[in-house]
Protein backbone atom coordinates (compact mmCIF):
# COMPACT_ATOMS: atom_id res chain seq x y z
CA MET A 1 0.05 -0.11 -0.20
CA THR A 2 1.22 3.54 -0.59
CA SER A 3 2.03 5.70 2.17
CA PRO A 4 1.00 9.41 2.32
CA GLY A 5 2.91 11.95 0.20
CA THR A 6 3.48 9.98 -2.92
CA ARG A 7 2.56 10.45 -6.34
CA ALA A 8 -0.91 8.23 -5.85
CA ASP A 9 -1.92 11.00 -3.20
CA THR A 10 -2.52 13.69 -6.15
CA GLU A 11 -3.36 11.68 -8.77
CA ALA A 12 -7.17 11.51 -9.53
CA GLU A 13 -6.66 9.76 -13.02
CA ASP A 14 -6.58 5.81 -13.50
CA LEU A 15 -3.19 4.52 -13.99
CA ASP A 16 -2.37 1.64 -16.14
CA VAL A 17 -0.97 -1.44 -14.84
CA GLU A 18 2.57 -0.77 -15.12
CA GLU A 19 2.54 2.66 -13.31
CA ALA A 20 0.13 0.95 -10.45
CA LEU A 21 3.13 -1.74 -10.25
CA ALA A 22 5.64 0.93 -10.02
CA LEU A 23 4.05 2.60 -7.11
CA VAL A 24 3.91 -0.62 -5.31
CA LYS A 25 7.26 -0.97 -5.73
CA GLU A 26 7.86 2.36 -4.17
CA ASN A 27 5.80 1.81 -1.27
CA PRO A 28 5.87 -1.94 -0.34
CA GLY A 29 3.48 -3.33 2.09
CA PRO A 30 3.69 -3.28 5.97
CA ALA A 31 5.74 -6.08 7.57
CA HIS A 32 3.90 -8.71 8.88
CA ARG A 33 5.56 -10.63 12.24
CA GLY A 34 8.82 -9.58 12.94
CA PRO A 35 12.06 -7.71 11.92
CA ALA A 36 13.29 -7.63 8.39
CA HIS A 37 15.83 -10.68 7.24
CA PRO A 38 19.62 -9.18 7.52
CA GLY A 39 21.66 -9.75 4.74
CA ARG A 40 19.48 -11.34 2.25
CA GLY A 41 22.07 -11.03 -0.35
CA GLY A 42 21.67 -11.23 -4.04
CA HIS A 43 18.42 -9.98 -4.40
CA GLY A 44 19.75 -6.97 -6.48
CA ALA A 45 21.90 -8.84 -8.75
CA PRO A 46 21.36 -9.59 -12.17
CA ALA A 47 20.62 -13.16 -12.88
CA PRO A 48 22.17 -14.91 -15.54
CA HIS A 49 20.08 -15.05 -19.11
CA HIS A 50 21.07 -17.63 -21.60
CA PRO A 51 19.64 -19.76 -24.48
CA ALA A 52 17.60 -22.70 -23.64
CA ASP A 53 20.03 -24.80 -25.27
CA SER A 54 23.12 -23.41 -23.46
CA HIS A 55 25.09 -24.96 -20.39
CA HIS A 56 24.00 -23.92 -17.14
CA ARG A 57 24.42 -23.75 -13.33
CA ALA A 58 21.87 -23.38 -10.66
CA THR A 59 20.75 -20.22 -9.60
CA PRO A 60 21.11 -19.20 -5.99
CA TRP A 61 17.61 -19.36 -4.29
CA PRO A 62 17.22 -15.39 -3.25
CA GLU A 63 18.52 -14.44 -7.04
CA ALA A 64 15.79 -16.84 -8.30
CA ARG A 65 12.99 -15.04 -6.79
CA ALA A 66 14.60 -11.79 -7.82
CA THR A 67 14.83 -12.95 -11.02
CA ALA A 68 11.21 -13.71 -11.51
CA GLU A 69 10.21 -10.28 -10.14
CA ARG A 70 12.33 -8.65 -12.70
CA ALA A 71 10.56 -10.90 -15.15
CA ALA A 72 7.47 -9.52 -14.38
CA ARG A 73 8.05 -5.94 -14.30
CA ALA A 74 9.41 -6.60 -17.92
CA ALA A 75 6.28 -8.49 -18.89
CA ALA A 76 3.89 -5.73 -17.53
CA ARG A 77 5.70 -2.72 -19.16
CA ALA A 78 5.52 -4.93 -22.61
CA ALA A 79 2.04 -6.07 -22.03
CA ARG A 80 0.55 -2.41 -21.07
CA ARG A 81 -2.58 -4.29 -19.39
CA THR A 82 -5.46 -2.06 -19.04
CA PRO A 83 -6.84 -1.62 -15.76
CA VAL A 84 -10.15 -3.43 -15.17
CA ALA A 85 -13.60 -2.16 -13.60
CA VAL A 86 -14.31 -5.08 -11.26
CA PRO A 87 -17.56 -5.48 -9.31
CA LEU A 88 -17.19 -5.19 -5.56
CA ASP A 89 -17.88 -8.82 -4.92
CA ALA A 90 -15.26 -9.97 -7.10
CA ALA A 91 -12.68 -7.40 -6.43
CA LEU A 92 -11.25 -9.13 -3.04
CA GLY A 93 -7.34 -9.38 -3.43
CA LEU A 94 -7.28 -7.24 -6.40
CA THR A 95 -4.76 -4.10 -6.28
CA LEU A 96 -6.60 -0.50 -6.65
CA ALA A 97 -5.40 0.84 -10.26
CA ALA A 98 -7.19 4.19 -9.38
CA PRO A 99 -7.35 6.12 -6.07
CA LEU A 100 -10.45 5.61 -4.26
CA ALA A 101 -12.25 9.16 -3.52
CA ALA A 102 -15.31 9.60 -2.01
CA LEU A 103 -18.31 9.89 -3.93
CA THR A 104 -20.59 11.12 -1.31
CA ASP A 105 -20.17 12.52 2.22
CA LEU A 106 -19.90 9.87 4.84
CA PRO A 107 -22.43 10.13 6.74
CA SER A 108 -24.48 11.89 4.14
CA PHE A 109 -26.67 13.38 6.41
CA ASP A 110 -26.78 13.68 10.38
CA THR A 111 -27.52 10.37 12.29
CA SER A 112 -28.06 9.15 15.30
CA ALA A 113 -25.17 6.98 16.96
CA MET A 114 -27.34 5.21 19.21
CA ASP A 115 -31.06 3.89 19.95
CA GLY A 116 -32.30 6.33 22.32
CA TRP A 117 -34.13 10.02 21.93
CA ALA A 118 -33.35 13.07 19.57
CA LEU A 119 -33.69 16.14 22.02
CA ALA A 120 -34.10 19.67 21.50
CA GLY A 121 -33.61 22.07 24.02
CA PRO A 122 -33.12 21.37 27.91
CA GLY A 123 -35.23 18.57 29.45
CA PRO A 124 -37.59 17.37 30.68
CA TRP A 125 -39.19 16.78 27.08
CA GLU A 126 -42.18 15.81 25.75
CA VAL A 127 -42.14 12.75 23.69
CA ARG A 128 -43.83 12.43 20.12
CA ASP A 129 -45.89 9.21 19.71
CA GLU A 130 -43.95 8.20 16.69
CA GLY A 131 -40.62 7.34 16.48
CA VAL A 132 -38.13 8.09 13.87
CA LEU A 133 -36.38 4.90 11.97
CA ALA A 134 -33.14 4.35 9.50
CA GLY A 135 -34.03 4.24 6.38
CA HIS A 136 -37.08 6.56 6.28
CA ALA A 137 -37.76 10.14 4.94
CA GLU A 138 -36.44 13.14 6.83
CA PRO A 139 -38.40 13.40 10.10
CA ALA A 140 -40.05 16.74 11.10
CA PRO A 141 -38.38 19.50 13.07
CA LEU A 142 -38.40 19.00 16.55
CA THR A 143 -39.14 22.33 19.12
CA ASP A 144 -37.62 23.04 22.19
CA GLY A 145 -38.71 20.61 25.08
CA GLU A 146 -39.79 18.21 22.60
CA ALA A 147 -38.08 14.46 22.15
CA VAL A 148 -38.51 11.68 19.79
CA ARG A 149 -37.59 8.05 19.68
CA ILE A 150 -34.66 7.48 17.40
CA ALA A 151 -33.05 4.35 16.25
CA THR A 152 -29.20 4.12 15.23
CA GLY A 153 -28.30 5.30 11.83
CA ALA A 154 -31.69 7.23 11.44
CA ARG A 155 -31.71 10.79 10.24
CA ILE A 156 -31.62 13.35 12.99
CA PRO A 157 -34.76 15.65 12.95
CA ALA A 158 -34.02 19.47 12.41
CA ASP A 159 -32.91 21.38 15.43
CA THR A 160 -32.31 18.46 17.43
CA THR A 161 -29.23 19.40 20.09
CA ALA A 162 -28.55 15.78 21.34
CA VAL A 163 -29.39 12.45 21.60
CA LEU A 164 -29.97 10.26 24.98
CA ARG A 165 -29.09 6.78 24.64
CA THR A 166 -31.94 4.35 25.93
CA GLU A 167 -30.17 3.65 29.02
CA HIS A 168 -29.48 6.84 30.11
CA GLY A 169 -33.13 8.29 30.20
CA ARG A 170 -36.51 7.63 32.09
CA THR A 171 -40.04 8.48 31.63
CA ASP A 172 -42.14 9.80 34.29
CA GLU A 173 -45.85 8.99 35.29
CA ARG A 174 -46.85 12.03 33.10
CA GLY A 175 -44.54 10.54 30.05
CA ARG A 176 -42.34 13.19 30.40
CA LEU A 177 -38.54 12.03 29.53
CA HIS A 178 -35.63 12.87 31.93
CA PRO A 179 -31.84 12.32 31.68
CA THR A 180 -30.17 9.67 34.24
CA ARG A 181 -26.79 11.86 33.47
CA GLU A 182 -25.78 15.12 32.17
CA VAL A 183 -26.31 15.48 28.04
CA GLY A 184 -24.00 17.39 26.43
CA HIS A 185 -24.65 19.27 23.12
CA GLY A 186 -24.12 17.03 20.10
CA GLN A 187 -23.92 14.05 22.10
CA ASP A 188 -24.30 10.86 20.09
CA ILE A 189 -24.72 12.69 16.93
CA ARG A 190 -22.91 11.74 13.73
CA PRO A 191 -22.60 14.81 11.81
CA ARG A 192 -22.62 14.72 7.77
CA GLY A 193 -19.20 14.22 6.59
CA GLN A 194 -17.64 13.32 10.01
CA GLU A 195 -15.58 10.34 8.05
CA CYS A 196 -15.14 12.01 4.70
CA ARG A 197 -16.20 14.64 2.28
CA SER A 198 -17.01 14.01 -1.38
CA GLY A 199 -14.04 14.05 -3.24
CA ASP A 200 -11.71 13.17 -0.28
CA GLN A 201 -9.08 10.54 -1.35
CA LEU A 202 -9.70 7.59 1.09
CA LEU A 203 -7.16 5.23 -0.61
CA PRO A 204 -4.19 5.61 -2.81
CA VAL A 205 -3.41 3.37 -5.73
CA GLY A 206 -1.59 0.15 -5.27
CA THR A 207 -3.83 -0.53 -1.93
CA LEU A 208 -4.74 -4.10 -1.50
CA ALA A 209 -8.58 -4.80 -1.65
CA THR A 210 -9.43 -6.50 1.63
CA PRO A 211 -12.75 -6.80 2.66
CA ALA A 212 -12.65 -3.65 4.84
CA VAL A 213 -11.55 -1.90 1.39
CA LEU A 214 -14.38 -3.44 -0.22
CA GLY A 215 -16.73 -2.16 2.80
CA LEU A 216 -15.34 1.45 2.50
CA ALA A 217 -15.81 1.52 -1.09
CA ALA A 218 -19.25 0.20 -0.92
CA ALA A 219 -20.05 2.95 1.74
CA ALA A 220 -18.50 5.74 -0.17
CA GLY A 221 -20.46 5.06 -3.18
CA TYR A 222 -18.93 2.69 -5.32
CA ASP A 223 -20.46 -0.34 -7.45
CA THR A 224 -16.97 -1.28 -8.98
CA LEU A 225 -13.48 -0.76 -8.49
CA THR A 226 -10.83 0.10 -10.86
CA ALA A 227 -7.94 -2.54 -10.30
CA VAL A 228 -4.93 -4.30 -11.70
CA PRO A 229 -6.29 -7.73 -13.53
CA ARG A 230 -5.39 -10.89 -12.38
CA PRO A 231 -2.59 -12.45 -14.14
CA ARG A 232 -4.04 -15.34 -16.21
CA VAL A 233 -2.28 -18.75 -15.53
CA ASP A 234 -2.58 -22.10 -17.61
CA VAL A 235 -1.82 -25.39 -16.04
CA LEU A 236 -0.52 -27.97 -17.85
CA VAL A 237 -0.17 -31.51 -15.79
CA LEU A 238 2.59 -33.82 -17.39
CA GLY A 239 3.02 -37.39 -16.92
CA ASP A 240 1.64 -40.68 -18.06
CA GLU A 241 1.52 -42.45 -14.73
CA LEU A 242 -1.08 -40.01 -13.16
CA LEU A 243 -4.64 -41.24 -12.13
CA THR A 244 -7.08 -38.85 -11.47
CA GLU A 245 -9.45 -41.00 -9.13
CA GLY A 246 -9.10 -44.16 -7.31
CA LEU A 247 -6.24 -45.76 -5.76
CA PRO A 248 -2.77 -46.26 -6.82
CA HIS A 249 -2.14 -49.50 -8.60
CA ASP A 250 -0.23 -51.09 -11.33
CA GLY A 251 2.83 -48.72 -11.19
CA LEU A 252 0.22 -45.55 -11.40
CA ILE A 253 -0.07 -43.21 -8.94
CA ARG A 254 -2.61 -40.37 -7.94
CA ASP A 255 -2.07 -36.86 -9.27
CA ALA A 256 -1.79 -34.48 -6.44
CA LEU A 257 -0.34 -31.42 -8.39
CA GLY A 258 -3.94 -31.25 -10.42
CA PRO A 259 -6.02 -30.66 -7.69
CA MET A 260 -3.57 -28.37 -5.55
CA LEU A 261 -2.14 -26.22 -8.11
CA PRO A 262 -5.23 -24.06 -9.17
CA PRO A 263 -6.42 -23.19 -5.93
CA TRP A 264 -3.00 -22.67 -4.70
CA LEU A 265 -2.44 -20.19 -7.85
CA ARG A 266 -5.70 -18.62 -6.95
CA ALA A 267 -4.70 -17.71 -3.54
CA LEU A 268 -1.47 -16.17 -4.98
CA GLY A 269 -3.72 -13.96 -7.22
CA ALA A 270 -3.94 -15.49 -10.72
CA GLU A 271 -6.94 -16.29 -12.51
CA VAL A 272 -6.53 -20.11 -13.46
CA ARG A 273 -8.13 -20.19 -16.89
CA ALA A 274 -7.26 -24.00 -17.87
CA VAL A 275 -6.13 -27.11 -16.23
CA ARG A 276 -5.05 -29.46 -19.09
CA ARG A 277 -3.59 -33.16 -18.85
CA ILE A 278 -0.90 -33.68 -21.27
CA GLY A 279 0.62 -37.07 -20.21
CA ASP A 280 4.09 -37.32 -21.58
CA ASP A 281 3.58 -36.08 -25.19
CA ALA A 282 6.04 -33.52 -26.89
CA LYS A 283 3.79 -33.03 -29.38
CA ALA A 284 0.96 -32.19 -27.31
CA LEU A 285 2.96 -30.21 -25.08
CA HIS A 286 4.28 -27.91 -27.66
CA ARG A 287 0.62 -27.57 -29.00
CA ALA A 288 -0.42 -26.68 -25.71
CA VAL A 289 2.33 -24.16 -25.14
CA THR A 290 2.36 -22.48 -28.30
CA ALA A 291 -1.75 -22.07 -28.49
CA SER A 292 -1.80 -20.40 -24.96
CA ASP A 293 -2.10 -16.79 -24.64
CA ALA A 294 -1.93 -17.07 -20.97
CA ASP A 295 0.38 -14.57 -18.95
CA LEU A 296 2.02 -17.51 -17.13
CA ILE A 297 1.99 -21.11 -18.21
CA VAL A 298 2.75 -23.74 -15.31
CA THR A 299 4.05 -27.06 -16.16
CA THR A 300 4.51 -30.18 -13.53
CA GLY A 301 7.08 -32.41 -13.96
CA GLY A 302 9.32 -33.13 -17.24
CA THR A 303 11.70 -30.41 -16.30
CA ALA A 304 14.80 -33.21 -15.77
CA ALA A 305 16.73 -34.57 -18.47
CA GLY A 306 15.19 -38.05 -18.68
CA PRO A 307 13.87 -39.73 -21.69
CA VAL A 308 10.40 -38.43 -21.36
CA ASP A 309 11.15 -34.84 -20.09
CA HIS A 310 10.01 -32.80 -22.67
CA VAL A 311 9.99 -29.39 -21.30
CA HIS A 312 13.47 -28.49 -22.29
CA PRO A 313 13.23 -29.76 -25.74
CA THR A 314 9.79 -28.08 -26.13
CA LEU A 315 11.79 -24.49 -24.97
CA ARG A 316 14.21 -24.91 -27.22
CA ARG A 317 12.03 -25.53 -30.17
CA ILE A 318 10.33 -22.53 -29.69
CA GLY A 319 13.23 -20.38 -29.08
CA ALA A 320 12.47 -19.64 -25.37
CA GLU A 321 14.79 -17.59 -23.38
CA LEU A 322 15.71 -19.50 -20.03
CA LEU A 323 15.77 -16.91 -17.27
CA VAL A 324 16.23 -19.74 -14.23
CA ASP A 325 17.31 -23.24 -15.25
CA GLY A 326 17.41 -25.04 -11.91
CA VAL A 327 17.60 -23.27 -8.24
CA GLU A 328 20.02 -23.86 -5.38
CA VAL A 329 16.96 -25.29 -3.22
CA ARG A 330 15.98 -28.48 -1.98
CA PRO A 331 13.52 -29.40 -2.66
CA GLY A 332 12.72 -28.32 -5.98
CA HIS A 333 16.25 -28.22 -7.66
CA PRO A 334 15.17 -28.73 -11.07
CA MET A 335 12.68 -26.06 -11.21
CA LEU A 336 12.92 -23.59 -14.22
CA LEU A 337 11.46 -20.13 -15.32
CA ALA A 338 11.45 -19.35 -19.18
CA ARG A 339 10.57 -16.24 -21.06
CA LEU A 340 8.26 -17.04 -24.15
CA ARG A 341 7.37 -13.69 -25.35
CA ASP A 342 7.99 -10.27 -23.77
CA ASP A 343 4.49 -10.63 -22.01
CA GLN A 344 4.70 -14.31 -21.43
CA HIS A 345 6.50 -16.98 -19.18
CA LEU A 346 6.48 -20.27 -18.26
CA VAL A 347 7.44 -21.62 -14.78
CA GLY A 348 8.47 -25.56 -14.84
CA LEU A 349 7.78 -27.33 -11.52
CA PRO A 350 9.13 -30.53 -10.64
CA GLY A 351 6.94 -33.43 -10.67
CA ASN A 352 7.34 -34.37 -6.72
CA PRO A 353 4.54 -32.61 -4.97
CA LEU A 354 6.81 -30.66 -2.30
CA ALA A 355 9.29 -29.61 -4.75
CA ALA A 356 6.34 -28.29 -6.86
CA VAL A 357 5.80 -26.33 -3.69
CA SER A 358 8.95 -25.01 -3.55
CA GLY A 359 8.82 -24.05 -7.25
CA LEU A 360 5.53 -22.10 -6.59
CA LEU A 361 7.06 -20.10 -3.86
CA THR A 362 10.53 -19.23 -5.58
CA LEU A 363 9.17 -18.67 -9.18
CA ALA A 364 5.59 -18.29 -9.45
CA GLU A 365 4.59 -16.25 -6.25
CA PRO A 366 7.31 -13.19 -6.85
CA LEU A 367 6.18 -13.73 -10.54
CA LEU A 368 2.12 -13.57 -9.93
CA ARG A 369 2.67 -10.85 -7.14
CA THR A 370 4.38 -8.49 -9.16
CA LEU A 371 1.92 -8.90 -12.23
CA ALA A 372 -0.75 -8.34 -9.66
CA ALA A 373 0.98 -5.30 -8.47
CA ARG A 374 0.46 -6.68 -5.22
CA PRO A 375 2.75 -5.21 -2.46
CA ALA A 376 5.87 -7.59 -1.40
CA PRO A 377 5.75 -8.77 2.32
CA GLU A 378 8.12 -8.00 4.19
CA PRO A 379 10.29 -10.99 5.39
CA TYR A 380 10.28 -11.94 9.08
CA MET A 381 12.46 -14.42 11.30
CA LEU A 382 11.67 -16.69 14.01
CA PRO A 383 13.66 -19.15 15.91
CA LEU A 384 13.65 -22.60 15.20
CA ARG A 385 12.54 -25.10 18.27
CA ASP A 386 14.59 -27.66 16.70
CA ALA A 387 17.95 -28.28 14.85
CA VAL A 388 17.36 -28.96 11.18
CA HIS A 389 19.63 -30.75 8.86
CA GLY A 390 20.95 -28.84 5.75
CA HIS A 391 22.07 -29.28 2.29
CA PRO A 392 25.86 -28.74 1.96
CA TYR A 393 25.61 -26.34 -0.61
CA ASP A 394 21.66 -25.54 -1.34
CA THR A 395 19.20 -23.60 0.58
CA ARG A 396 16.35 -25.88 2.15
CA LEU A 397 12.66 -25.06 2.55
CA VAL A 398 11.09 -27.03 5.46
CA PRO A 399 7.58 -27.02 6.64
CA VAL A 400 6.92 -25.49 10.26
CA VAL A 401 4.20 -24.66 12.59
CA LEU A 402 4.16 -21.49 14.50
CA ARG A 403 4.03 -21.58 18.28
CA ASP A 404 4.91 -19.60 21.16
CA GLU A 405 8.42 -21.32 21.27
CA GLY A 406 8.96 -20.36 17.59
CA ALA A 407 9.01 -22.00 14.66
CA VAL A 408 8.42 -26.06 15.20
CA PRO A 409 9.87 -28.15 12.00
CA LEU A 410 7.83 -30.91 10.91
CA HIS A 411 8.61 -34.59 9.90
CA TYR A 412 7.31 -35.63 6.17
CA ASN A 413 9.42 -33.06 4.55
CA GLY A 414 10.64 -35.16 1.52
CA PRO A 415 10.47 -33.95 -1.75
CA ALA A 416 7.39 -36.45 -2.53
CA MET A 417 5.62 -35.80 0.52
CA LEU A 418 2.75 -33.24 1.38
CA ARG A 419 1.89 -34.56 4.84
CA GLY A 420 4.05 -32.11 6.33
CA VAL A 421 3.03 -29.20 4.42
CA ALA A 422 -0.74 -29.78 4.55
CA ALA A 423 -0.15 -29.45 8.64
CA ALA A 424 2.27 -26.35 7.97
CA ASP A 425 1.88 -22.43 8.61
CA ALA A 426 4.99 -21.51 6.64
CA LEU A 427 8.20 -22.73 5.19
CA ALA A 428 11.30 -21.94 6.98
CA VAL A 429 14.21 -20.95 4.80
CA VAL A 430 17.11 -23.19 6.09
CA PRO A 431 20.55 -21.74 4.71
CA PRO A 432 23.27 -24.47 3.41
CA GLY A 433 24.61 -26.51 6.19
CA GLY A 434 21.36 -26.46 8.24
CA ALA A 435 20.52 -24.78 11.67
CA ARG A 436 20.71 -25.35 14.76
CA SER A 437 18.14 -25.29 17.52
CA GLY A 438 17.09 -21.64 18.60
CA GLN A 439 18.60 -19.93 15.33
CA GLU A 440 16.55 -17.74 13.55
CA ALA A 441 15.38 -18.65 10.26
CA GLU A 442 13.44 -16.62 7.71
CA LEU A 443 9.86 -17.73 6.82
CA LEU A 444 7.67 -17.84 4.09
CA ASP A 445 4.08 -17.67 4.90
CA LEU A 446 1.67 -20.17 3.36
CA PRO A 447 -1.14 -17.87 1.96
CA TRP A 448 -4.12 -19.16 3.94
CA ALA A 449 -2.10 -19.60 7.12
CA ALA A 450 -1.24 -15.98 7.21
CA GLY A 451 -4.86 -15.00 7.45
CA GLY A 452 -4.09 -12.62 4.94
CA ILE A 453 -5.94 -11.37 1.39
CA GLY A 454 -4.45 -14.42 -0.26
CA VAL A 455 -7.41 -16.73 0.89
CA CYS A 456 -8.99 -16.53 -2.55
CA PHE A 457 -9.60 -19.90 -3.92
CA THR A 458 -12.35 -19.56 -6.30
């Protein structure tokens, strides 16, 4: 979210997606749980670019994430996507591409802040027979010494001096109203324009549409929001060994990624348009990739160099540019990021489920977040309750749950296992060589576990 004093505070016109994205970059979102990671080296360094058929080395994990962000910024510049008008009920999680300015005063008329009586002048007061309810036409003015029953949110009668709460008044045997405590002038009246005046800027470009933002927009008179469109994603599930139902048998296994990836990608802000099962068919993969006009294509499996690993040959055949070809991270080492066109990319995820999760958080998350102009979450650290074995050279991503004593590493964290991450709140970033008990580790929140706006699965 941009902060006061930025360009967004003075511009009333709509911005294009690239400009909104730039504002988010200049004004990153608030930190979530703790201090920033000290010494996140490599984030500003350029990533190696090489054609798809050249020799390569794996990219360090922080550098791979930074490369995905840079690729998305270049794609946004190339695509020049136009902001879209989105109904409020479909705008959750989108980023504002135009400032939110009030279309009316809030409140738009003087209203009662409490159930009770509207009063005129000093008491005791004679009480009208009829009351004043919310949503009704403007009531008749009051005269001095007169009161009328009033509901919360109802229009205040002209010449009202205060509202007396129900619990602070009593009536005598003649039906006259008496206060049980002192009544101040203007008490419990919300005056017109108390929250804002028509035309006031309420929120700047770059603000994330949370439930509260949607409520404010509705109160301010909006039916739609001008927002950065969701990045469009096509998912291609590879592998002849995958079953879509029933128990594993005869060397066949259940496909875990087909059910898992679409809602996870939606939680990262994407519009998942298609999920296609390609099998191990090189021609079918080529057709699917070249026919797609999505902003991002996500493939599962086939990123290594085996006899049915067709992703690299397909990328060479279409002349794609490999931006990341392998990452120094476990699990998920054989993930990749390729630029197919100036405004289109492909993320190749490993076929093992937890390795695919690693690829999502390493490459797809920063790319989709940047395309959607969402603010980057500030990294935070917590101590690990238990020691974690590390890889000699690569970063490890380990599922953890968050407890009072810190981050508790979970078992079942092998590349093919989902049992650990299914119970996790976050993934701990364990440096090469491992981490001792009590050592602080950077944490990557899972979108639903953080309680944030990312929980948008449909």
